[in-house]
N, C-alpha and C. Protein backbone atom coordinates (compact mmCIF):
# COMPACT_ATOMS: atom_id res chain seq x y z
N UNK A 1 -0.38 -4.31 22.27
CA UNK A 1 -0.91 -4.60 20.85
C UNK A 1 -0.20 -6.01 20.22
N UNK A 2 1.31 -5.84 20.10
CA UNK A 2 2.11 -6.81 19.85
C UNK A 2 2.84 -7.22 20.76
N UNK A 3 2.59 -8.38 21.77
CA UNK A 3 3.46 -8.69 22.90
C UNK A 3 4.39 -9.63 22.68
N UNK A 4 5.49 -9.81 23.29
CA UNK A 4 6.44 -10.95 22.92
C UNK A 4 5.85 -12.23 23.30
N UNK A 5 5.04 -12.25 24.61
CA UNK A 5 4.49 -13.38 24.98
C UNK A 5 3.56 -13.92 24.04
N UNK A 6 3.00 -13.38 23.26
CA UNK A 6 1.93 -14.10 22.38
C UNK A 6 2.45 -14.28 20.81
N UNK A 7 3.79 -13.55 20.53
CA UNK A 7 3.94 -13.58 19.22
C UNK A 7 4.13 -15.08 18.56
N UNK A 8 4.93 -15.81 19.49
CA UNK A 8 5.27 -17.21 19.09
C UNK A 8 4.03 -18.17 19.21
N UNK A 9 2.91 -17.73 19.53
CA UNK A 9 1.74 -18.53 19.48
C UNK A 9 1.20 -18.63 18.14
N UNK A 10 1.58 -17.73 17.13
CA UNK A 10 1.02 -17.66 15.86
C UNK A 10 1.48 -18.69 15.06
N UNK A 11 0.78 -19.13 13.81
CA UNK A 11 1.40 -19.99 12.95
C UNK A 11 1.56 -19.46 11.56
N UNK A 12 2.46 -20.28 10.89
CA UNK A 12 2.94 -19.92 9.63
C UNK A 12 1.60 -19.54 8.78
N UNK A 13 1.68 -17.97 8.27
CA UNK A 13 0.65 -17.67 7.31
C UNK A 13 0.54 -18.73 6.12
N UNK A 14 -0.61 -18.90 5.65
CA UNK A 14 -0.71 -19.78 4.67
C UNK A 14 -1.05 -19.04 3.32
N UNK A 15 -0.26 -19.10 2.05
CA UNK A 15 -0.46 -18.34 0.99
C UNK A 15 -1.76 -18.67 0.41
N UNK A 16 -2.37 -17.55 -0.04
CA UNK A 16 -3.84 -17.48 -0.78
C UNK A 16 -3.48 -16.92 -2.09
N UNK A 17 -4.48 -16.94 -3.06
CA UNK A 17 -4.46 -16.23 -4.28
C UNK A 17 -4.21 -14.77 -4.32
N UNK A 18 -3.39 -14.21 -4.94
CA UNK A 18 -3.28 -12.86 -5.38
C UNK A 18 -4.47 -12.12 -5.82
N UNK A 19 -5.45 -13.10 -6.51
CA UNK A 19 -6.61 -12.39 -6.98
C UNK A 19 -6.25 -11.61 -8.24
N UNK A 20 -7.31 -10.94 -9.13
CA UNK A 20 -7.15 -10.10 -10.18
C UNK A 20 -6.89 -8.80 -10.20
N UNK A 21 -6.97 -8.24 -8.81
CA UNK A 21 -7.11 -6.99 -8.25
C UNK A 21 -5.52 -6.02 -8.12
N UNK A 22 -4.44 -6.72 -8.27
CA UNK A 22 -3.21 -6.43 -7.87
C UNK A 22 -2.59 -5.37 -8.94
N UNK A 23 -2.11 -4.46 -8.55
CA UNK A 23 -0.93 -3.91 -9.41
C UNK A 23 0.06 -3.01 -8.45
N UNK A 24 1.21 -3.05 -8.54
CA UNK A 24 2.32 -2.35 -7.80
C UNK A 24 2.05 -0.94 -7.97
N UNK A 25 2.47 -0.36 -6.30
CA UNK A 25 2.22 1.05 -6.32
C UNK A 25 3.38 1.55 -5.52
N UNK A 26 3.60 2.68 -5.61
CA UNK A 26 4.71 3.41 -4.75
C UNK A 26 4.36 3.27 -3.21
N UNK A 27 5.65 3.44 -2.39
CA UNK A 27 5.39 3.26 -0.98
C UNK A 27 4.81 4.61 -0.51
N UNK A 28 3.95 4.22 0.61
CA UNK A 28 3.33 5.33 1.45
C UNK A 28 2.44 4.73 2.38
N UNK A 29 2.27 5.45 3.44
CA UNK A 29 1.66 4.84 4.67
C UNK A 29 0.28 5.38 4.47
N UNK A 30 -0.24 6.30 4.13
CA UNK A 30 -1.52 6.78 4.13
C UNK A 30 -2.33 6.46 2.51
N UNK A 31 -3.18 5.40 2.80
CA UNK A 31 -3.81 4.83 1.54
C UNK A 31 -4.95 5.26 1.39
N UNK A 32 -5.82 6.14 2.26
CA UNK A 32 -7.08 6.36 2.08
C UNK A 32 -7.51 7.48 1.10
N UNK A 33 -6.38 8.19 0.61
CA UNK A 33 -6.45 9.37 -0.46
C UNK A 33 -7.65 10.09 -0.31
N UNK A 34 -7.80 10.44 0.98
CA UNK A 34 -9.04 11.49 1.01
C UNK A 34 -10.34 11.10 1.08
N UNK A 35 -10.62 9.65 0.82
CA UNK A 35 -12.03 9.02 0.63
C UNK A 35 -12.66 9.12 1.89
N UNK A 36 -13.96 8.99 1.73
CA UNK A 36 -14.65 8.85 3.06
C UNK A 36 -14.72 7.17 3.50
N UNK A 37 -14.75 7.01 4.68
CA UNK A 37 -15.00 5.81 5.33
C UNK A 37 -14.62 5.80 6.81
N UNK A 38 -14.72 4.66 7.71
CA UNK A 38 -14.37 4.51 8.92
C UNK A 38 -13.04 4.40 9.08
N UNK A 39 -12.44 5.22 9.65
CA UNK A 39 -10.93 5.52 9.86
C UNK A 39 -10.28 4.11 10.37
N UNK A 40 -9.47 3.79 9.88
CA UNK A 40 -8.68 2.41 10.52
C UNK A 40 -7.30 2.46 10.23
N UNK A 41 -6.42 2.16 11.52
CA UNK A 41 -5.02 1.87 11.45
C UNK A 41 -4.88 0.52 11.37
N UNK A 42 -4.02 0.18 10.09
CA UNK A 42 -3.82 -1.04 9.84
C UNK A 42 -2.19 -1.41 10.40
N UNK A 43 -2.00 -2.06 11.23
CA UNK A 43 -0.72 -2.40 11.96
C UNK A 43 -0.29 -3.94 11.58
N UNK A 44 0.79 -4.10 10.96
CA UNK A 44 1.13 -5.61 10.64
C UNK A 44 2.67 -5.72 11.14
N UNK A 45 2.83 -6.75 11.68
CA UNK A 45 4.20 -7.29 12.21
C UNK A 45 4.54 -8.50 11.22
N UNK A 46 5.74 -8.54 10.94
CA UNK A 46 6.13 -9.70 10.04
C UNK A 46 7.36 -10.40 10.77
N UNK A 47 7.34 -11.54 11.07
CA UNK A 47 8.22 -12.42 11.66
C UNK A 47 8.54 -13.68 10.95
N UNK A 48 9.71 -14.28 11.40
CA UNK A 48 10.22 -15.63 10.90
C UNK A 48 9.79 -16.72 11.61
N UNK A 49 9.93 -17.97 11.19
CA UNK A 49 9.77 -19.15 12.03
C UNK A 49 10.22 -19.21 13.29
N UNK A 50 11.13 -18.41 13.75
CA UNK A 50 11.63 -18.37 15.00
C UNK A 50 11.13 -17.19 15.92
N UNK A 51 10.19 -16.46 15.36
CA UNK A 51 9.49 -15.60 15.89
C UNK A 51 10.28 -14.28 16.19
N UNK A 52 11.31 -14.12 14.96
CA UNK A 52 12.18 -13.10 15.01
C UNK A 52 11.75 -12.06 13.99
N UNK A 53 11.73 -10.84 14.62
CA UNK A 53 11.19 -9.89 13.61
C UNK A 53 11.96 -9.75 12.10
N UNK A 54 11.47 -9.55 11.03
CA UNK A 54 11.88 -9.51 9.69
C UNK A 54 12.03 -7.91 9.35
N UNK A 55 13.15 -7.40 9.50
CA UNK A 55 13.34 -5.88 8.81
C UNK A 55 13.67 -5.83 7.40
N UNK A 56 13.49 -5.05 6.83
CA UNK A 56 13.82 -4.70 5.45
C UNK A 56 12.87 -5.26 4.25
N UNK A 57 11.63 -5.82 4.79
CA UNK A 57 10.97 -6.39 3.72
C UNK A 57 10.08 -5.34 3.32
N UNK A 58 9.59 -5.48 2.11
CA UNK A 58 8.53 -4.84 1.47
C UNK A 58 7.09 -5.35 1.85
N UNK A 59 6.24 -4.70 2.35
CA UNK A 59 5.03 -5.43 2.70
C UNK A 59 3.84 -4.32 2.01
N UNK A 60 3.25 -5.01 1.08
CA UNK A 60 2.07 -4.37 0.27
C UNK A 60 0.78 -4.77 0.66
N UNK A 61 -0.23 -3.84 0.70
CA UNK A 61 -1.50 -4.15 0.72
C UNK A 61 -2.35 -3.31 -0.12
N UNK A 62 -3.63 -4.09 -0.54
CA UNK A 62 -4.50 -3.51 -1.34
C UNK A 62 -5.82 -4.12 -1.04
N UNK A 63 -7.10 -3.13 -1.04
CA UNK A 63 -8.27 -3.71 -0.57
C UNK A 63 -9.42 -2.83 -1.13
N UNK A 64 -10.58 -3.10 -1.23
CA UNK A 64 -11.54 -2.43 -1.90
C UNK A 64 -11.99 -1.03 -0.99
N UNK A 65 -12.90 -0.09 -1.79
CA UNK A 65 -13.57 0.84 -1.02
C UNK A 65 -14.93 0.35 -0.34
N UNK A 66 -15.67 1.46 0.35
CA UNK A 66 -16.59 0.95 1.00
C UNK A 66 -17.69 0.75 0.10
N UNK A 67 -17.74 0.80 -1.08
CA UNK A 67 -18.56 0.08 -2.03
C UNK A 67 -18.25 -1.20 -2.92
N UNK A 68 -17.13 -1.68 -2.30
CA UNK A 68 -16.49 -2.99 -2.85
C UNK A 68 -15.79 -3.11 -4.04
N UNK A 69 -15.37 -1.90 -4.46
CA UNK A 69 -14.68 -1.65 -5.83
C UNK A 69 -13.05 -1.54 -5.57
N UNK A 70 -12.21 -1.77 -6.48
CA UNK A 70 -11.00 -1.63 -6.49
C UNK A 70 -10.50 -0.22 -7.25
N UNK A 71 -9.57 0.28 -6.79
CA UNK A 71 -9.00 1.47 -7.65
C UNK A 71 -8.26 0.75 -8.87
N UNK A 72 -7.96 1.59 -10.00
CA UNK A 72 -7.56 0.90 -11.19
C UNK A 72 -6.65 1.64 -12.08
N UNK A 73 -6.05 2.88 -11.40
CA UNK A 73 -4.88 3.46 -12.30
C UNK A 73 -3.45 3.08 -12.52
N UNK A 74 -3.33 2.26 -13.38
CA UNK A 74 -2.02 1.63 -13.57
C UNK A 74 -1.00 2.36 -14.09
N UNK A 75 -1.28 3.79 -14.43
CA UNK A 75 -0.38 4.21 -15.49
C UNK A 75 1.10 4.56 -14.76
N UNK A 76 1.15 4.40 -13.58
CA UNK A 76 2.57 4.57 -12.89
C UNK A 76 3.04 3.48 -12.26
N UNK A 77 2.29 2.14 -12.50
CA UNK A 77 2.75 1.10 -12.05
C UNK A 77 3.80 0.43 -12.93
N UNK A 78 4.50 -0.28 -12.17
CA UNK A 78 5.77 -1.18 -12.86
C UNK A 78 5.30 -2.54 -12.68
N UNK A 79 4.17 -2.87 -12.31
CA UNK A 79 3.79 -4.31 -12.22
C UNK A 79 2.23 -4.36 -12.33
N UNK A 80 1.76 -4.43 -13.49
CA UNK A 80 0.30 -4.39 -13.69
C UNK A 80 -0.52 -5.35 -14.64
N UNK A 81 0.49 -6.32 -14.99
CA UNK A 81 0.02 -7.37 -16.07
C UNK A 81 -0.98 -8.04 -15.59
N UNK A 82 -1.06 -8.24 -14.47
CA UNK A 82 -2.26 -9.21 -13.89
C UNK A 82 -3.46 -8.67 -13.40
N UNK A 83 -3.58 -7.22 -13.56
CA UNK A 83 -4.54 -6.57 -13.27
C UNK A 83 -5.95 -6.67 -14.13
N UNK A 84 -6.79 -7.01 -13.77
CA UNK A 84 -8.18 -7.11 -14.38
C UNK A 84 -9.30 -6.06 -14.33
N UNK A 85 -8.76 -4.85 -14.95
CA UNK A 85 -9.63 -3.54 -14.81
C UNK A 85 -10.97 -3.96 -14.80
N UNK A 86 -11.64 -4.47 -15.74
CA UNK A 86 -13.20 -4.41 -15.84
C UNK A 86 -13.82 -5.15 -14.81
N UNK A 87 -13.06 -6.24 -14.14
CA UNK A 87 -13.89 -6.87 -13.11
C UNK A 87 -13.59 -6.06 -11.72
N UNK A 88 -12.27 -5.59 -11.61
CA UNK A 88 -11.92 -4.93 -10.25
C UNK A 88 -12.59 -3.53 -10.07
N UNK A 89 -12.65 -2.82 -11.09
CA UNK A 89 -13.35 -1.46 -11.11
C UNK A 89 -14.71 -1.40 -11.46
N UNK A 90 -15.30 -2.34 -12.08
CA UNK A 90 -16.62 -2.20 -12.44
C UNK A 90 -16.92 -1.17 -13.40
N UNK A 91 -15.81 -0.69 -14.19
CA UNK A 91 -15.84 0.52 -15.26
C UNK A 91 -16.08 2.04 -14.29
N UNK A 92 -16.10 1.96 -13.27
CA UNK A 92 -16.22 3.15 -12.54
C UNK A 92 -15.11 4.19 -12.95
N UNK A 93 -15.49 5.28 -13.45
CA UNK A 93 -14.37 6.25 -13.87
C UNK A 93 -13.50 6.83 -12.91
N UNK A 94 -14.10 6.97 -11.67
CA UNK A 94 -13.49 7.57 -10.38
C UNK A 94 -12.36 6.39 -10.10
N UNK A 95 -12.84 5.34 -10.04
CA UNK A 95 -11.92 4.17 -9.65
C UNK A 95 -10.88 4.03 -10.65
N UNK A 96 -11.05 3.95 -11.91
CA UNK A 96 -9.97 3.81 -13.17
C UNK A 96 -8.93 4.91 -12.81
N UNK A 97 -9.33 5.99 -12.30
CA UNK A 97 -8.39 7.22 -12.24
C UNK A 97 -7.70 7.42 -10.90
N UNK A 98 -7.85 6.37 -10.28
CA UNK A 98 -7.27 6.27 -8.78
C UNK A 98 -6.33 5.12 -8.42
N UNK A 99 -5.59 5.36 -7.33
CA UNK A 99 -4.83 4.27 -6.74
C UNK A 99 -5.24 4.16 -5.07
N UNK A 100 -6.37 4.54 -4.77
CA UNK A 100 -6.60 4.48 -3.43
C UNK A 100 -6.57 3.03 -2.81
N UNK A 101 -6.53 2.92 -1.59
CA UNK A 101 -6.28 1.58 -0.83
C UNK A 101 -5.28 0.79 -1.11
N UNK A 102 -4.17 1.29 -1.88
CA UNK A 102 -2.86 0.47 -2.31
C UNK A 102 -1.80 1.09 -1.71
N UNK A 103 -0.95 0.41 -1.09
CA UNK A 103 0.37 0.99 -0.81
C UNK A 103 1.39 -0.01 -0.43
N UNK A 104 2.68 0.36 -0.07
CA UNK A 104 3.54 -0.47 0.33
C UNK A 104 4.48 0.27 1.38
N UNK A 105 4.98 -0.52 2.31
CA UNK A 105 5.97 -0.01 3.25
C UNK A 105 7.00 -0.78 3.49
N UNK A 106 8.35 -0.54 3.90
CA UNK A 106 9.32 -1.58 4.43
C UNK A 106 9.31 -1.46 5.88
N UNK A 107 9.42 -2.79 6.36
CA UNK A 107 9.19 -3.11 7.62
C UNK A 107 10.43 -2.65 8.56
N UNK A 108 10.19 -2.07 9.56
CA UNK A 108 11.19 -1.60 10.38
C UNK A 108 11.90 -2.67 11.42
N UNK A 109 12.78 -2.19 12.17
CA UNK A 109 13.76 -2.94 13.04
C UNK A 109 12.80 -4.26 13.68
N UNK A 110 11.54 -3.62 14.26
CA UNK A 110 10.65 -4.68 14.91
C UNK A 110 9.79 -5.64 13.97
N UNK A 111 9.96 -5.10 12.58
CA UNK A 111 9.08 -6.07 11.61
C UNK A 111 7.85 -5.39 11.34
N UNK A 112 7.66 -4.21 11.82
CA UNK A 112 6.43 -3.45 11.68
C UNK A 112 6.08 -2.52 10.56
N UNK A 113 4.89 -2.43 10.16
CA UNK A 113 4.50 -1.40 9.18
C UNK A 113 3.13 -0.94 9.76
N UNK A 114 2.71 0.48 9.49
CA UNK A 114 1.47 1.01 9.79
C UNK A 114 0.72 1.73 8.73
N UNK A 115 -0.14 1.25 8.45
CA UNK A 115 -0.99 2.01 7.44
C UNK A 115 -2.29 2.75 7.77
N UNK A 116 -2.40 3.91 7.17
CA UNK A 116 -3.97 4.87 7.53
C UNK A 116 -4.69 4.42 6.43
N UNK A 117 -5.63 3.89 6.62
CA UNK A 117 -6.82 3.47 5.61
C UNK A 117 -8.03 3.60 6.36
N UNK A 118 -8.99 2.91 5.54
CA UNK A 118 -10.50 2.60 6.32
C UNK A 118 -10.88 1.46 6.05
N UNK A 119 -11.83 0.92 7.09
CA UNK A 119 -12.61 -0.23 6.88
C UNK A 119 -13.11 -0.54 5.28
N UNK A 120 -12.81 -1.78 5.06
CA UNK A 120 -13.13 -1.78 3.59
C UNK A 120 -14.53 -2.41 3.43
N UNK A 121 -15.11 -2.11 2.26
CA UNK A 121 -16.48 -2.60 1.92
C UNK A 121 -16.45 -4.08 1.48
N UNK A 122 -17.51 -4.81 0.99
CA UNK A 122 -17.49 -6.07 0.58
C UNK A 122 -18.10 -5.98 -0.89
N UNK A 123 -17.95 -7.36 -1.61
CA UNK A 123 -18.39 -7.38 -2.78
C UNK A 123 -18.96 -8.92 -2.88
N UNK A 124 -20.00 -9.10 -3.65
CA UNK A 124 -20.70 -10.31 -3.65
C UNK A 124 -19.70 -11.55 -3.96
N UNK A 125 -19.80 -12.65 -3.16
CA UNK A 125 -19.04 -13.82 -3.36
C UNK A 125 -17.86 -13.94 -2.36
N UNK A 126 -17.48 -12.90 -1.84
CA UNK A 126 -16.01 -12.71 -0.95
C UNK A 126 -16.57 -12.22 0.43
N UNK A 127 -15.83 -12.80 1.53
CA UNK A 127 -15.85 -12.11 2.66
C UNK A 127 -15.00 -10.86 2.67
N UNK A 128 -15.29 -10.05 3.63
CA UNK A 128 -14.55 -8.83 3.77
C UNK A 128 -13.13 -9.28 3.91
N UNK A 129 -12.33 -8.56 3.26
CA UNK A 129 -10.82 -8.99 3.24
C UNK A 129 -10.03 -7.96 2.65
N UNK A 130 -8.51 -8.18 3.10
CA UNK A 130 -7.55 -7.22 2.81
C UNK A 130 -6.43 -8.19 2.13
N UNK A 131 -5.98 -7.84 0.98
CA UNK A 131 -4.70 -8.53 0.54
C UNK A 131 -3.47 -8.04 1.01
N UNK A 132 -2.54 -8.86 0.98
CA UNK A 132 -0.99 -8.38 1.45
C UNK A 132 -0.10 -9.30 0.64
N UNK A 133 1.05 -8.53 0.49
CA UNK A 133 2.25 -9.51 0.01
C UNK A 133 3.47 -8.82 0.64
N UNK A 134 4.38 -9.86 0.96
CA UNK A 134 5.77 -9.53 1.46
C UNK A 134 6.87 -10.22 0.77
N UNK A 135 7.95 -9.26 0.63
CA UNK A 135 8.89 -9.68 -0.39
C UNK A 135 10.25 -8.91 0.02
N UNK A 136 11.46 -9.81 0.25
CA UNK A 136 12.66 -9.30 0.49
C UNK A 136 13.55 -9.37 -0.82
N UNK A 137 13.08 -9.46 -1.83
CA UNK A 137 13.80 -9.56 -3.14
C UNK A 137 14.29 -11.19 -3.45
N UNK A 138 14.04 -11.89 -2.50
CA UNK A 138 14.40 -13.55 -2.75
C UNK A 138 13.31 -14.25 -2.32
N UNK A 139 12.50 -14.08 -1.20
CA UNK A 139 11.56 -14.83 -0.84
C UNK A 139 10.38 -13.92 -0.97
N UNK A 140 9.19 -14.44 -1.04
CA UNK A 140 7.85 -13.36 -1.10
C UNK A 140 6.83 -14.38 -0.63
N UNK A 141 5.64 -13.99 -0.06
CA UNK A 141 4.40 -14.49 0.20
C UNK A 141 3.33 -13.63 -0.08
N UNK A 142 2.34 -14.35 -0.68
CA UNK A 142 1.00 -13.40 -1.08
C UNK A 142 -0.15 -14.14 -0.30
N UNK A 143 -0.95 -13.20 0.50
CA UNK A 143 -2.16 -13.90 0.98
C UNK A 143 -3.02 -12.94 1.45
N UNK A 144 -3.86 -13.23 2.45
CA UNK A 144 -5.14 -12.28 2.70
C UNK A 144 -5.36 -12.39 4.21
N UNK A 145 -5.93 -11.10 4.67
CA UNK A 145 -6.55 -11.09 6.06
C UNK A 145 -8.07 -10.84 6.00
N UNK A 146 -8.86 -11.26 7.04
CA UNK A 146 -10.26 -11.20 7.37
C UNK A 146 -10.39 -10.81 8.72
N UNK A 147 -11.91 -10.50 8.52
CA UNK A 147 -12.24 -9.98 10.00
C UNK A 147 -13.14 -11.23 10.41
N UNK A 148 -13.59 -10.96 11.69
CA UNK A 148 -14.39 -11.91 12.41
C UNK A 148 -16.02 -11.53 12.01
N UNK A 149 -16.50 -12.57 11.64
CA UNK A 149 -18.01 -12.24 11.02
C UNK A 149 -18.72 -11.13 12.07
N UNK A 150 -18.77 -11.30 13.29
CA UNK A 150 -19.63 -10.61 14.22
C UNK A 150 -19.19 -9.31 14.22
N UNK A 151 -17.94 -8.77 14.07
CA UNK A 151 -17.37 -7.56 14.02
C UNK A 151 -17.80 -6.98 12.70
N UNK A 152 -17.59 -7.87 11.47
CA UNK A 152 -18.10 -7.14 10.01
C UNK A 152 -19.53 -6.87 10.22
N UNK A 153 -20.26 -7.54 10.69
CA UNK A 153 -21.68 -7.34 10.68
C UNK A 153 -21.88 -6.34 11.56
N UNK A 154 -21.42 -5.86 12.56
CA UNK A 154 -21.65 -4.69 13.27
C UNK A 154 -21.31 -3.40 12.52
N UNK A 155 -20.22 -3.39 11.81
CA UNK A 155 -19.69 -2.28 11.13
C UNK A 155 -20.88 -2.13 9.74
N UNK A 156 -21.07 -3.17 9.22
CA UNK A 156 -22.03 -2.95 8.21
C UNK A 156 -23.06 -2.73 8.08
N UNK A 157 -23.90 -3.00 9.41
CA UNK A 157 -25.11 -2.59 10.12
C UNK A 157 -25.23 -1.34 10.65
N UNK A 158 -24.24 -0.72 11.41
CA UNK A 158 -24.61 0.24 12.26
C UNK A 158 -23.86 1.61 11.69
N UNK A 159 -22.86 1.31 10.79
CA UNK A 159 -22.07 2.73 10.66
C UNK A 159 -22.65 3.20 9.17
N UNK A 160 -22.99 4.61 9.39
CA UNK A 160 -23.71 5.10 8.25
C UNK A 160 -23.21 4.91 6.90
N UNK A 161 -21.90 5.07 6.45
CA UNK A 161 -21.20 4.73 5.45
C UNK A 161 -21.50 3.46 4.80
N UNK A 162 -21.64 2.41 5.69
CA UNK A 162 -21.73 1.09 5.40
C UNK A 162 -23.08 0.44 5.32
N UNK A 163 -23.99 0.92 6.13
CA UNK A 163 -25.47 0.13 6.33
C UNK A 163 -26.31 0.18 5.33
N UNK A 164 -25.87 1.22 4.41
CA UNK A 164 -26.92 1.17 3.30
C UNK A 164 -26.85 -0.13 2.53
N UNK A 165 -25.66 -0.75 2.43
CA UNK A 165 -25.41 -1.97 1.75
C UNK A 165 -25.81 -3.08 2.59
N UNK A 166 -25.84 -3.02 3.82
CA UNK A 166 -26.07 -4.12 4.87
C UNK A 166 -24.90 -5.13 4.78
N UNK A 167 -25.18 -6.08 5.50
CA UNK A 167 -24.42 -7.19 5.80
C UNK A 167 -23.80 -7.88 4.72
N UNK A 168 -22.55 -8.22 4.69
CA UNK A 168 -21.86 -8.98 3.62
C UNK A 168 -22.58 -10.25 3.29
N UNK A 169 -22.65 -10.75 1.87
CA UNK A 169 -23.61 -11.96 1.76
C UNK A 169 -22.67 -13.10 1.53
N UNK A 170 -21.36 -13.14 2.00
CA UNK A 170 -20.44 -14.06 2.18
C UNK A 170 -19.63 -14.33 3.39
N UNK A 171 -20.21 -14.52 4.78
CA UNK A 171 -19.48 -14.44 5.98
C UNK A 171 -18.45 -15.82 5.85
N UNK A 172 -17.62 -15.57 7.02
CA UNK A 172 -16.75 -16.69 7.09
C UNK A 172 -17.41 -17.97 7.50
N UNK A 173 -18.61 -17.92 8.33
CA UNK A 173 -19.22 -19.06 8.89
C UNK A 173 -19.58 -19.93 7.76
N UNK A 174 -19.49 -21.44 7.94
CA UNK A 174 -19.83 -22.19 7.18
C UNK A 174 -18.97 -22.62 5.99
N UNK A 175 -17.70 -21.91 6.10
CA UNK A 175 -16.86 -22.06 4.79
C UNK A 175 -17.35 -21.78 3.55
N UNK A 176 -18.24 -20.62 3.51
CA UNK A 176 -18.66 -20.13 2.12
C UNK A 176 -17.72 -19.30 1.34
N UNK A 177 -16.71 -18.94 2.06
CA UNK A 177 -15.82 -18.12 1.08
C UNK A 177 -14.88 -18.80 0.49
N UNK A 178 -14.69 -18.54 -0.79
CA UNK A 178 -14.17 -19.28 -1.93
C UNK A 178 -12.36 -19.40 -1.63
N UNK A 179 -11.92 -18.35 -1.04
CA UNK A 179 -10.65 -18.21 -0.68
C UNK A 179 -10.11 -19.00 0.88
N UNK A 180 -10.76 -18.55 1.73
CA UNK A 180 -10.47 -19.04 3.28
C UNK A 180 -11.22 -20.46 3.48
N UNK A 181 -12.28 -20.69 2.82
CA UNK A 181 -13.17 -21.91 3.38
C UNK A 181 -13.24 -21.86 4.86
N UNK A 182 -12.84 -22.96 5.60
CA UNK A 182 -13.15 -23.41 6.85
C UNK A 182 -11.63 -23.13 7.72
N UNK A 183 -10.71 -22.56 6.87
CA UNK A 183 -9.36 -22.56 7.52
C UNK A 183 -8.93 -21.14 7.53
N UNK A 184 -9.27 -20.40 8.44
CA UNK A 184 -9.09 -18.88 8.17
C UNK A 184 -8.59 -18.21 9.82
N UNK A 185 -8.48 -19.00 10.55
CA UNK A 185 -8.03 -18.70 11.91
C UNK A 185 -6.76 -17.96 11.93
N UNK A 186 -5.98 -18.32 11.33
CA UNK A 186 -4.49 -17.71 11.13
C UNK A 186 -4.45 -16.30 10.44
N UNK A 187 -5.63 -16.07 9.68
CA UNK A 187 -5.73 -14.90 8.78
C UNK A 187 -6.47 -13.66 9.11
N UNK A 188 -7.06 -14.15 10.78
CA UNK A 188 -8.06 -13.20 11.14
C UNK A 188 -7.19 -11.87 11.68
N UNK A 189 -7.72 -10.68 11.47
CA UNK A 189 -7.27 -9.57 11.99
C UNK A 189 -7.76 -9.37 13.47
N UNK A 190 -7.04 -8.96 14.35
CA UNK A 190 -7.49 -8.57 15.78
C UNK A 190 -8.04 -7.07 15.43
N UNK A 191 -8.97 -6.69 16.16
CA UNK A 191 -9.51 -5.36 16.18
C UNK A 191 -10.13 -4.69 17.61
N UNK A 192 -9.65 -3.39 17.47
CA UNK A 192 -10.03 -2.58 18.59
C UNK A 192 -10.86 -1.26 18.31
N UNK A 193 -11.57 -0.94 19.05
CA UNK A 193 -12.19 0.62 18.88
C UNK A 193 -11.42 1.53 19.78
N UNK A 194 -10.95 2.51 19.05
CA UNK A 194 -10.61 3.70 19.66
C UNK A 194 -11.68 4.68 20.33
N UNK A 195 -11.09 5.44 21.22
CA UNK A 195 -11.98 6.45 21.94
C UNK A 195 -12.87 7.31 20.98
N UNK A 196 -11.95 7.62 19.77
CA UNK A 196 -12.75 8.72 18.93
C UNK A 196 -13.42 7.96 17.79
N UNK A 197 -13.85 6.75 18.10
CA UNK A 197 -14.76 5.94 17.16
C UNK A 197 -14.00 5.19 15.83
N UNK A 198 -12.57 5.54 15.80
CA UNK A 198 -11.90 4.91 14.72
C UNK A 198 -11.49 3.68 15.21
N UNK A 199 -10.86 2.75 14.07
CA UNK A 199 -10.46 1.35 14.40
C UNK A 199 -8.86 1.29 14.38
N UNK A 200 -8.63 0.20 15.20
CA UNK A 200 -7.25 -0.32 15.16
C UNK A 200 -7.34 -1.79 14.59
N UNK A 201 -6.84 -2.25 13.70
CA UNK A 201 -6.61 -3.48 13.26
C UNK A 201 -5.20 -4.01 13.18
N UNK A 202 -4.88 -5.27 13.47
CA UNK A 202 -3.46 -5.72 13.76
C UNK A 202 -3.40 -7.16 13.59
N UNK A 203 -2.29 -7.56 12.94
CA UNK A 203 -1.98 -9.12 12.66
C UNK A 203 -0.37 -9.08 12.82
N UNK A 204 -0.08 -10.20 13.27
CA UNK A 204 1.25 -10.87 13.11
C UNK A 204 1.38 -11.54 12.00
N UNK A 205 2.33 -11.59 11.01
CA UNK A 205 2.37 -12.45 9.92
C UNK A 205 3.75 -13.16 10.13
N UNK A 206 3.67 -14.49 10.13
CA UNK A 206 4.91 -15.15 10.33
C UNK A 206 5.04 -15.93 8.95
N UNK A 207 6.12 -16.04 8.45
CA UNK A 207 6.64 -16.44 7.23
C UNK A 207 8.15 -17.24 7.40
N UNK A 208 8.36 -18.04 6.51
CA UNK A 208 9.57 -18.95 6.83
C UNK A 208 10.41 -18.89 5.51
N UNK A 209 11.41 -17.66 5.51
CA UNK A 209 12.11 -17.35 4.52
C UNK A 209 12.89 -18.40 4.13
N UNK A 210 13.33 -18.87 2.90
CA UNK A 210 14.39 -19.76 2.36
C UNK A 210 13.60 -21.21 2.71
N UNK A 211 12.43 -21.15 2.96
CA UNK A 211 11.77 -22.53 3.21
C UNK A 211 11.68 -23.39 2.05
């Protein structure tokens, strides 16, 4: 999955917008919170400009559920001032009382974190995506990861929990997504199907501390 031979072929990740749906949550590796969805292991590796692993950084992720909504229980968050509840939860009471699909972990000696989650859904106007932030107390980067159009279309049209909504209305093709535009190659997640039908999604994130 993460080979030394390929690690240094990646490019520095470009920051993107944080979006209105972020709020800080506790560290945890299982962010699915018992919801239904296509199981997915999200494995991320953080490296510096010299392709050396960055250990001890906090890497946080957040994404929407299969219906395209975000969770919104900020009652235990120490950083929720930028969260736009109405937009992100759509007023859904279950979402407003939950913190699903949000979590943070500290990178290990190899720069790795692994989250247990589900393949996300989509909402109108955006391609399928996962938000992330990395922070070591001095330097920080906020960006997003996305899926190849063909892979996203396959899941959204063939898996029972996603096919009712069908294909996303904003694929990457043609630069229609307002965040990625046509410059998304370095933000693409690699994906694999496991023998049990679950997914593996992974990416190497290269940042330049103190740049």
